[in-house]
Amino acid sequence: MMIDPVCKMKVDPDKAAAKEVHAGQIYYFCSEICHKSFVAEPEKYISGGAPADHACCGGH
């Protein structure tokens, strides 16, 4: 399991809604909303400074 860098949910790479390669690292996302948020501001989420936000999935 991987961790969605936006909402911090566990994501099965085989079932991820999206994935993105940034600076040679692959990131997996629980939803397209998280993916779009990451693409807009990747450094915000890579740094770990952004709090977990479950607006994408309601925390489930």
PDB file of N, CA and C in Angstrom:
ATOM      1  N   MET A   1       0.845  -1.185   0.000  1.00  0.00           N
ATOM      2  CA  MET A   1       0.000   0.000   0.000  1.00  0.00           C
ATOM      3  C   MET A   1       0.884   1.240   0.000  1.00  0.00           C
ATOM      4  N   MET A   2       0.432   2.229  -0.706  1.00  0.00           N
ATOM      5  CA  MET A   2       1.123   3.515  -0.776  1.00  0.00           C
ATOM      6  C   MET A   2       0.251   4.551  -0.055  1.00  0.00           C
ATOM      7  N   ILE A   3       0.819   5.713   0.203  1.00  0.00           N
ATOM      8  CA  ILE A   3       0.078   6.782   0.865  1.00  0.00           C
ATOM      9  C   ILE A   3      -0.172   7.907  -0.129  1.00  0.00           C
ATOM     10  N   ASP A   4      -1.428   8.276  -0.286  1.00  0.00           N
ATOM     11  CA  ASP A   4      -1.795   9.421  -1.117  1.00  0.00           C
ATOM     12  C   ASP A   4      -1.185  10.653  -0.454  1.00  0.00           C
ATOM     13  N   PRO A   5      -0.332  11.409  -1.144  1.00  0.00           N
ATOM     14  CA  PRO A   5       0.342  12.548  -0.516  1.00  0.00           C
ATOM     15  C   PRO A   5      -0.583  13.713  -0.177  1.00  0.00           C
ATOM     16  N   VAL A   6      -1.778  13.726  -0.743  1.00  0.00           N
ATOM     17  CA  VAL A   6      -2.710  14.827  -0.489  1.00  0.00           C
ATOM     18  C   VAL A   6      -3.564  14.555   0.740  1.00  0.00           C
ATOM     19  N   CYS A   7      -4.264  13.434   0.771  1.00  0.00           N
ATOM     20  CA  CYS A   7      -5.197  13.168   1.872  1.00  0.00           C
ATOM     21  C   CYS A   7      -4.645  12.176   2.895  1.00  0.00           C
ATOM     22  N   LYS A   8      -3.487  11.592   2.588  1.00  0.00           N
ATOM     23  CA  LYS A   8      -2.795  10.652   3.480  1.00  0.00           C
ATOM     24  C   LYS A   8      -3.483   9.295   3.619  1.00  0.00           C
ATOM     25  N   MET A   9      -4.410   8.990   2.732  1.00  0.00           N
ATOM     26  CA  MET A   9      -5.068   7.683   2.757  1.00  0.00           C
ATOM     27  C   MET A   9      -4.157   6.626   2.164  1.00  0.00           C
ATOM     28  N   LYS A  10      -4.338   5.380   2.585  1.00  0.00           N
ATOM     29  CA  LYS A  10      -3.619   4.261   1.983  1.00  0.00           C
ATOM     30  C   LYS A  10      -4.253   3.967   0.627  1.00  0.00           C
ATOM     31  N   VAL A  11      -3.402   3.738  -0.368  1.00  0.00           N
ATOM     32  CA  VAL A  11      -3.865   3.484  -1.730  1.00  0.00           C
ATOM     33  C   VAL A  11      -3.171   2.236  -2.265  1.00  0.00           C
ATOM     34  N   ASP A  12      -3.955   1.317  -2.777  1.00  0.00           N
ATOM     35  CA  ASP A  12      -3.416   0.150  -3.459  1.00  0.00           C
ATOM     36  C   ASP A  12      -2.995   0.618  -4.852  1.00  0.00           C
ATOM     37  N   PRO A  13      -1.715   0.530  -5.192  1.00  0.00           N
ATOM     38  CA  PRO A  13      -1.264   1.004  -6.508  1.00  0.00           C
ATOM     39  C   PRO A  13      -2.028   0.395  -7.681  1.00  0.00           C
ATOM     40  N   ASP A  14      -2.470  -0.849  -7.538  1.00  0.00           N
ATOM     41  CA  ASP A  14      -3.220  -1.495  -8.618  1.00  0.00           C
ATOM     42  C   ASP A  14      -4.634  -0.953  -8.770  1.00  0.00           C
ATOM     43  N   LYS A  15      -5.141  -0.281  -7.744  1.00  0.00           N
ATOM     44  CA  LYS A  15      -6.510   0.242  -7.778  1.00  0.00           C
ATOM     45  C   LYS A  15      -6.559   1.761  -7.673  1.00  0.00           C
ATOM     46  N   ALA A  16      -5.416   2.412  -7.750  1.00  0.00           N
ATOM     47  CA  ALA A  16      -5.351   3.866  -7.606  1.00  0.00           C
ATOM     48  C   ALA A  16      -6.166   4.561  -8.692  1.00  0.00           C
ATOM     49  N   ALA A  17      -6.793   5.663  -8.318  1.00  0.00           N
ATOM     50  CA  ALA A  17      -7.579   6.439  -9.277  1.00  0.00           C
ATOM     51  C   ALA A  17      -6.667   7.153 -10.272  1.00  0.00           C
ATOM     52  N   ALA A  18      -5.439   7.453  -9.828  1.00  0.00           N
ATOM     53  CA  ALA A  18      -4.483   8.141 -10.689  1.00  0.00           C
ATOM     54  C   ALA A  18      -3.086   7.946 -10.120  1.00  0.00           C
ATOM     55  N   LYS A  19      -2.095   8.196 -10.967  1.00  0.00           N
ATOM     56  CA  LYS A  19      -0.717   8.203 -10.497  1.00  0.00           C
ATOM     57  C   LYS A  19       0.019   9.311 -11.228  1.00  0.00           C
ATOM     58  N   GLU A  20       1.082   9.794 -10.623  1.00  0.00           N
ATOM     59  CA  GLU A  20       1.855  10.900 -11.184  1.00  0.00           C
ATOM     60  C   GLU A  20       3.327  10.665 -10.871  1.00  0.00           C
ATOM     61  N   VAL A  21       4.185  10.904 -11.842  1.00  0.00           N
ATOM     62  CA  VAL A  21       5.624  10.849 -11.621  1.00  0.00           C
ATOM     63  C   VAL A  21       6.104  12.279 -11.445  1.00  0.00           C
ATOM     64  N   HIS A  22       6.769  12.530 -10.326  1.00  0.00           N
ATOM     65  CA  HIS A  22       7.299  13.869 -10.044  1.00  0.00           C
ATOM     66  C   HIS A  22       8.695  13.700  -9.470  1.00  0.00           C
ATOM     67  N   ALA A  23       9.666  14.341 -10.093  1.00  0.00           N
ATOM     68  CA  ALA A  23      11.065  14.279  -9.655  1.00  0.00           C
ATOM     69  C   ALA A  23      11.544  12.832  -9.494  1.00  0.00           C
ATOM     70  N   GLY A  24      11.121  11.978 -10.423  1.00  0.00           N
ATOM     71  CA  GLY A  24      11.554  10.595 -10.420  1.00  0.00           C
ATOM     72  C   GLY A  24      10.832   9.678  -9.441  1.00  0.00           C
ATOM     73  N   GLN A  25       9.879  10.201  -8.710  1.00  0.00           N
ATOM     74  CA  GLN A  25       9.114   9.426  -7.720  1.00  0.00           C
ATOM     75  C   GLN A  25       7.686   9.239  -8.234  1.00  0.00           C
ATOM     76  N   ILE A  26       7.127   8.049  -8.039  1.00  0.00           N
ATOM     77  CA  ILE A  26       5.743   7.794  -8.437  1.00  0.00           C
ATOM     78  C   ILE A  26       4.844   7.995  -7.224  1.00  0.00           C
ATOM     79  N   TYR A  27       3.784   8.755  -7.409  1.00  0.00           N
ATOM     80  CA  TYR A  27       2.795   9.008  -6.361  1.00  0.00           C
ATOM     81  C   TYR A  27       1.456   8.456  -6.831  1.00  0.00           C
ATOM     82  N   TYR A  28       0.717   7.854  -5.903  1.00  0.00           N
ATOM     83  CA  TYR A  28      -0.590   7.266  -6.200  1.00  0.00           C
ATOM     84  C   TYR A  28      -1.666   8.022  -5.450  1.00  0.00           C
ATOM     85  N   PHE A  29      -2.858   8.098  -6.046  1.00  0.00           N
ATOM     86  CA  PHE A  29      -3.939   8.919  -5.504  1.00  0.00           C
ATOM     87  C   PHE A  29      -5.243   8.141  -5.383  1.00  0.00           C
ATOM     88  N   CYS A  30      -5.983   8.456  -4.327  1.00  0.00           N
ATOM     89  CA  CYS A  30      -7.262   7.778  -4.087  1.00  0.00           C
ATOM     90  C   CYS A  30      -8.356   8.315  -5.000  1.00  0.00           C
ATOM     91  N   SER A  31      -8.163   9.542  -5.495  1.00  0.00           N
ATOM     92  CA  SER A  31      -9.187  10.156  -6.338  1.00  0.00           C
ATOM     93  C   SER A  31      -8.542  11.109  -7.334  1.00  0.00           C
ATOM     94  N   GLU A  32      -9.288  11.457  -8.340  1.00  0.00           N
ATOM     95  CA  GLU A  32      -8.826  12.427  -9.328  1.00  0.00           C
ATOM     96  C   GLU A  32      -8.702  13.814  -8.678  1.00  0.00           C
ATOM     97  N   ILE A  33      -9.520  14.090  -7.668  1.00  0.00           N
ATOM     98  CA  ILE A  33      -9.444  15.372  -6.954  1.00  0.00           C
ATOM     99  C   ILE A  33      -8.071  15.517  -6.287  1.00  0.00           C
ATOM    100  N   CYS A  34      -7.625  14.464  -5.605  1.00  0.00           N
ATOM    101  CA  CYS A  34      -6.303  14.503  -4.964  1.00  0.00           C
ATOM    102  C   CYS A  34      -5.205  14.649  -6.012  1.00  0.00           C
ATOM    103  N   HIS A  35      -5.346  13.939  -7.110  1.00  0.00           N
ATOM    104  CA  HIS A  35      -4.354  14.026  -8.180  1.00  0.00           C
ATOM    105  C   HIS A  35      -4.243  15.459  -8.701  1.00  0.00           C
ATOM    106  N   LYS A  36      -5.365  16.089  -8.979  1.00  0.00           N
ATOM    107  CA  LYS A  36      -5.352  17.464  -9.493  1.00  0.00           C
ATOM    108  C   LYS A  36      -4.763  18.431  -8.473  1.00  0.00           C
ATOM    109  N   SER A  37      -5.048  18.228  -7.197  1.00  0.00           N
ATOM    110  CA  SER A  37      -4.484  19.080  -6.149  1.00  0.00           C
ATOM    111  C   SER A  37      -2.967  18.947  -6.125  1.00  0.00           C
ATOM    112  N   PHE A  38      -2.486  17.725  -6.249  1.00  0.00           N
ATOM    113  CA  PHE A  38      -1.048  17.473  -6.240  1.00  0.00           C
ATOM    114  C   PHE A  38      -0.364  18.123  -7.442  1.00  0.00           C
ATOM    115  N   VAL A  39      -0.925  17.950  -8.614  1.00  0.00           N
ATOM    116  CA  VAL A  39      -0.338  18.503  -9.835  1.00  0.00           C
ATOM    117  C   VAL A  39      -0.243  20.028  -9.739  1.00  0.00           C
ATOM    118  N   ALA A  40      -1.225  20.659  -9.120  1.00  0.00           N
ATOM    119  CA  ALA A  40      -1.232  22.118  -8.982  1.00  0.00           C
ATOM    120  C   ALA A  40      -0.142  22.624  -8.039  1.00  0.00           C
ATOM    121  N   GLU A  41       0.163  21.856  -6.970  1.00  0.00           N
ATOM    122  CA  GLU A  41       1.136  22.298  -5.963  1.00  0.00           C
ATOM    123  C   GLU A  41       1.906  21.111  -5.377  1.00  0.00           C
ATOM    124  N   PRO A  42       2.698  20.426  -6.185  1.00  0.00           N
ATOM    125  CA  PRO A  42       3.346  19.212  -5.686  1.00  0.00           C
ATOM    126  C   PRO A  42       4.237  19.436  -4.460  1.00  0.00           C
ATOM    127  N   GLU A  43       4.973  20.505  -4.420  1.00  0.00           N
ATOM    128  CA  GLU A  43       5.887  20.737  -3.292  1.00  0.00           C
ATOM    129  C   GLU A  43       5.141  20.884  -1.967  1.00  0.00           C
ATOM    130  N   LYS A  44       3.933  21.398  -2.032  1.00  0.00           N
ATOM    131  CA  LYS A  44       3.114  21.544  -0.827  1.00  0.00           C
ATOM    132  C   LYS A  44       2.862  20.178  -0.183  1.00  0.00           C
ATOM    133  N   TYR A  45       2.650  19.178  -1.003  1.00  0.00           N
ATOM    134  CA  TYR A  45       2.310  17.853  -0.498  1.00  0.00           C
ATOM    135  C   TYR A  45       3.538  16.970  -0.264  1.00  0.00           C
ATOM    136  N   ILE A  46       4.578  17.165  -1.063  1.00  0.00           N
ATOM    137  CA  ILE A  46       5.801  16.379  -0.888  1.00  0.00           C
ATOM    138  C   ILE A  46       6.486  16.728   0.425  1.00  0.00           C
ATOM    139  N   SER A  47       6.440  17.993   0.797  1.00  0.00           N
ATOM    140  CA  SER A  47       7.117  18.444   2.019  1.00  0.00           C
ATOM    141  C   SER A  47       6.475  17.868   3.273  1.00  0.00           C
ATOM    142  N   GLY A  48       5.247  17.369   3.147  1.00  0.00           N
ATOM    143  CA  GLY A  48       4.551  16.817   4.298  1.00  0.00           C
ATOM    144  C   GLY A  48       3.914  17.880   5.168  1.00  0.00           C
ATOM    145  N   GLY A  49       4.038  19.132   4.760  1.00  0.00           N
ATOM    146  CA  GLY A  49       3.491  20.219   5.546  1.00  0.00           C
ATOM    147  C   GLY A  49       1.985  20.375   5.445  1.00  0.00           C
ATOM    148  N   ALA A  50       1.414  19.838   4.380  1.00  0.00           N
ATOM    149  CA  ALA A  50      -0.025  19.982   4.193  1.00  0.00           C
ATOM    150  C   ALA A  50      -0.761  18.996   5.095  1.00  0.00           C
ATOM    151  N   PRO A  51      -1.784  19.464   5.790  1.00  0.00           N
ATOM    152  CA  PRO A  51      -2.553  18.545   6.645  1.00  0.00           C
ATOM    153  C   PRO A  51      -3.391  17.594   5.808  1.00  0.00           C
ATOM    154  N   ALA A  52      -3.736  16.465   6.380  1.00  0.00           N
ATOM    155  CA  ALA A  52      -4.603  15.521   5.694  1.00  0.00           C
ATOM    156  C   ALA A  52      -5.958  16.170   5.466  1.00  0.00           C
ATOM    157  N   ASP A  53      -6.446  16.100   4.253  1.00  0.00           N
ATOM    158  CA  ASP A  53      -7.728  16.694   3.877  1.00  0.00           C
ATOM    159  C   ASP A  53      -8.526  15.622   3.161  1.00  0.00           C
ATOM    160  N   HIS A  54      -9.610  15.195   3.760  1.00  0.00           N
ATOM    161  CA  HIS A  54     -10.408  14.127   3.172  1.00  0.00           C
ATOM    162  C   HIS A  54     -11.607  14.642   2.387  1.00  0.00           C
ATOM    163  N   ALA A  55     -11.527  15.867   1.879  1.00  0.00           N
ATOM    164  CA  ALA A  55     -12.626  16.393   1.085  1.00  0.00           C
ATOM    165  C   ALA A  55     -12.842  15.541  -0.171  1.00  0.00           C
ATOM    166  N   CYS A  56     -11.807  14.853  -0.603  1.00  0.00           N
ATOM    167  CA  CYS A  56     -11.874  14.039  -1.813  1.00  0.00           C
ATOM    168  C   CYS A  56     -12.701  12.775  -1.618  1.00  0.00           C
ATOM    169  N   CYS A  57     -12.707  12.284  -0.397  1.00  0.00           N
ATOM    170  CA  CYS A  57     -13.258  10.948  -0.193  1.00  0.00           C
ATOM    171  C   CYS A  57     -14.002  10.804   1.126  1.00  0.00           C
ATOM    172  N   GLY A  58     -14.093  11.846   1.890  1.00  0.00           N
ATOM    173  CA  GLY A  58     -14.793  11.778   3.170  1.00  0.00           C
ATOM    174  C   GLY A  58     -14.036  11.001   4.230  1.00  0.00           C
ATOM    175  N   GLY A  59     -12.748  10.724   3.981  1.00  0.00           N
ATOM    176  CA  GLY A  59     -11.939  10.031   4.963  1.00  0.00           C
ATOM    177  C   GLY A  59     -12.139   8.533   4.988  1.00  0.00           C
ATOM    178  N   HIS A  60     -12.757   7.989   3.964  1.00  0.00           N
ATOM    179  CA  HIS A  60     -13.027   6.540   3.947  1.00  0.00           C
ATOM    180  C   HIS A  60     -11.998   5.826   3.101  1.00  0.00           C
TER     181      HIS A  60
END
